Amino acid sequence: MEMAFDLDFWHWWIIAIVLVIFEILAPTFFALWMAIAAFLTGLALFLIPEMQWEYQVFMFAILSVISIVVWRHYYNKNPIATDEPLLNRRGEQYVGRVITLKESIVDGQGKVRVDDSTWKIEGEDCPAGTKVKIISVDNVVFKVEAAS
């Protein structure tokens, strides 16, 4: 059974436009690279109009993967600079801060209130009133040491 399936270059360019619109509406920074692959597939079909649809789909798939992998590699080497690098990492914002314990640390664990939140803490046993420094964060647990 032969399947009649014709794709023209403008089909790929429409797919590219739809993917760009999708990227604008739902910013995933993923559809953009697929849109570029669709545009390049359409450009290749414009230059080689006798290309079969199987090769077109294969070309689109390969170009999509390549463009996404190249972008990820580039982005990992050149992250976007920001003036608020810890904006969505709230616990890391407290690293280095010195606080006074309201409750003792017993068996290496305790709780502390910082600003408007209560956090679990781990560190050496200390009585209430001791000043401790937050040295790191593990998920939602502060690692603390006695402040000197």
Protein backbone atom coordinates (compact mmCIF):
# COMPACT_ATOMS: atom_id res chain seq x y z
CA MET A 1 0.00 0.00 0.00
CA GLU A 2 1.52 3.30 -1.12
CA MET A 3 0.92 6.35 1.02
CA ALA A 4 0.44 9.61 -0.84
CA PHE A 5 1.84 12.27 1.45
CA ASP A 6 3.21 15.46 -0.04
CA LEU A 7 4.86 18.14 2.03
CA ASP A 8 5.88 21.41 0.46
CA PHE A 9 8.43 23.84 1.84
CA TRP A 10 5.69 26.18 3.00
CA HIS A 11 4.22 23.40 5.17
CA TRP A 12 7.47 23.35 7.12
CA TRP A 13 7.51 27.12 7.37
CA ILE A 14 3.95 27.08 8.74
CA ILE A 15 5.04 24.48 11.28
CA ALA A 16 7.94 26.78 12.20
CA ILE A 17 5.57 29.73 12.68
CA VAL A 18 3.21 27.62 14.81
CA LEU A 19 6.14 26.49 16.97
CA VAL A 20 7.30 30.09 17.43
CA ILE A 21 3.77 31.10 18.44
CA PHE A 22 3.69 28.19 20.86
CA GLU A 23 7.03 29.35 22.27
CA ILE A 24 5.64 32.86 22.77
CA LEU A 25 2.50 31.59 24.53
CA ALA A 26 4.21 28.94 26.65
CA PRO A 27 7.85 29.97 27.04
CA THR A 28 9.66 26.67 27.31
CA PHE A 29 12.70 27.67 25.24
CA PHE A 30 12.33 24.28 23.62
CA ALA A 31 9.90 24.88 20.77
CA LEU A 32 12.11 27.67 19.43
CA TRP A 33 14.83 25.19 18.48
CA MET A 34 12.30 22.90 16.83
CA ALA A 35 10.96 25.92 14.91
CA ILE A 36 14.46 26.61 13.63
CA ALA A 37 14.73 22.95 12.57
CA ALA A 38 11.37 23.20 10.76
CA PHE A 39 12.47 26.38 8.99
CA LEU A 40 15.75 24.76 7.89
CA THR A 41 13.88 21.67 6.69
CA GLY A 42 11.60 23.92 4.64
CA LEU A 43 14.62 25.74 3.26
CA ALA A 44 16.23 22.43 2.27
CA LEU A 45 12.98 21.38 0.58
CA PHE A 46 12.84 24.73 -1.22
CA LEU A 47 16.34 24.06 -2.59
CA ILE A 48 15.73 20.35 -3.27
CA PRO A 49 12.00 20.09 -4.16
CA GLU A 50 12.13 16.37 -5.04
CA MET A 51 13.06 15.35 -1.45
CA GLN A 52 10.74 12.58 -0.20
CA TRP A 53 8.67 13.17 2.91
CA GLU A 54 10.49 10.45 4.89
CA TYR A 55 13.77 12.30 4.45
CA GLN A 56 12.10 15.56 5.37
CA VAL A 57 10.78 14.15 8.64
CA PHE A 58 14.15 12.53 9.34
CA MET A 59 15.92 15.82 8.64
CA PHE A 60 13.52 17.70 10.93
CA ALA A 61 14.07 15.18 13.75
CA ILE A 62 17.86 15.27 13.43
CA LEU A 63 17.99 19.07 13.19
CA SER A 64 15.68 19.38 16.22
CA VAL A 65 17.88 17.16 18.35
CA ILE A 66 21.08 18.83 17.16
CA SER A 67 19.77 22.36 17.76
CA ILE A 68 18.51 21.48 21.27
CA VAL A 69 21.76 19.72 22.24
CA VAL A 70 23.90 22.57 20.88
CA TRP A 71 21.79 25.13 22.78
CA ARG A 72 22.02 23.17 26.05
CA HIS A 73 25.77 22.84 25.66
CA TYR A 74 26.14 26.56 24.92
CA TYR A 75 23.83 27.57 27.78
CA ASN A 76 25.67 25.38 30.32
CA LYS A 77 28.97 27.01 29.36
CA ASN A 78 27.53 30.57 29.20
CA PRO A 79 24.74 30.96 31.78
CA ILE A 80 22.68 34.13 31.78
CA ALA A 81 24.09 36.70 34.20
CA THR A 82 21.60 38.10 36.67
CA ASP A 83 21.68 40.58 39.53
CA GLU A 84 19.57 38.17 41.65
CA PRO A 85 21.15 34.71 41.17
CA LEU A 86 19.46 33.26 44.28
CA LEU A 87 16.00 34.68 43.59
CA ASN A 88 14.18 31.34 43.46
CA ARG A 89 16.50 29.52 45.86
CA ARG A 90 15.30 30.93 49.12
CA GLY A 91 17.29 28.71 51.47
CA GLU A 92 20.58 29.58 49.80
CA GLN A 93 19.90 33.26 50.43
CA TYR A 94 20.42 32.65 54.16
CA VAL A 95 23.86 30.99 53.88
CA GLY A 96 26.38 33.01 55.88
CA ARG A 97 23.76 34.59 58.11
CA VAL A 98 24.26 34.48 61.89
CA ILE A 99 21.16 33.79 63.99
CA THR A 100 20.42 33.28 67.67
CA LEU A 101 18.81 29.99 68.68
CA LYS A 102 15.46 30.25 70.48
CA GLU A 103 15.44 26.46 71.03
CA SER A 104 18.34 24.11 71.75
CA ILE A 105 19.86 21.82 69.17
CA VAL A 106 19.45 18.33 70.59
CA ASP A 107 20.96 15.19 69.05
CA GLY A 108 22.20 17.31 66.15
CA GLN A 109 18.74 18.57 65.15
CA GLY A 110 16.52 21.51 65.96
CA LYS A 111 14.37 24.28 64.57
CA VAL A 112 14.93 27.96 64.09
CA ARG A 113 12.75 30.85 62.99
CA VAL A 114 14.33 33.02 60.31
CA ASP A 115 12.33 36.03 59.18
CA ASP A 116 8.81 34.65 58.63
CA SER A 117 9.63 30.93 58.29
CA THR A 118 10.60 28.04 60.51
CA TRP A 119 13.47 25.89 59.28
CA LYS A 120 14.95 22.61 60.43
CA ILE A 121 18.59 22.85 61.41
CA GLU A 122 21.39 20.33 61.86
CA GLY A 123 24.62 20.92 63.70
CA GLU A 124 26.46 20.41 66.96
CA ASP A 125 24.30 20.36 70.11
CA CYS A 126 23.94 23.93 71.43
CA PRO A 127 21.80 25.49 74.15
CA ALA A 128 19.17 28.14 73.41
CA GLY A 129 20.65 31.62 73.05
CA THR A 130 23.73 30.42 71.16
CA LYS A 131 24.64 32.31 68.01
CA VAL A 132 25.03 29.99 65.02
CA LYS A 133 26.05 30.59 61.44
CA ILE A 134 24.22 28.97 58.53
CA ILE A 135 26.93 27.27 56.45
CA SER A 136 24.85 25.40 53.86
CA VAL A 137 21.39 24.21 52.89
CA ASP A 138 20.36 20.64 52.11
CA ASN A 139 16.85 20.83 50.61
CA VAL A 140 14.96 22.49 53.49
CA VAL A 141 17.48 21.82 56.26
CA PHE A 142 20.06 24.39 57.31
CA LYS A 143 23.51 23.10 58.30
CA VAL A 144 24.82 25.32 61.10
CA GLU A 145 27.94 25.77 63.19
CA ALA A 146 28.61 27.84 66.29
CA ALA A 147 29.44 31.41 65.33
CA SER A 148 32.75 32.71 66.63
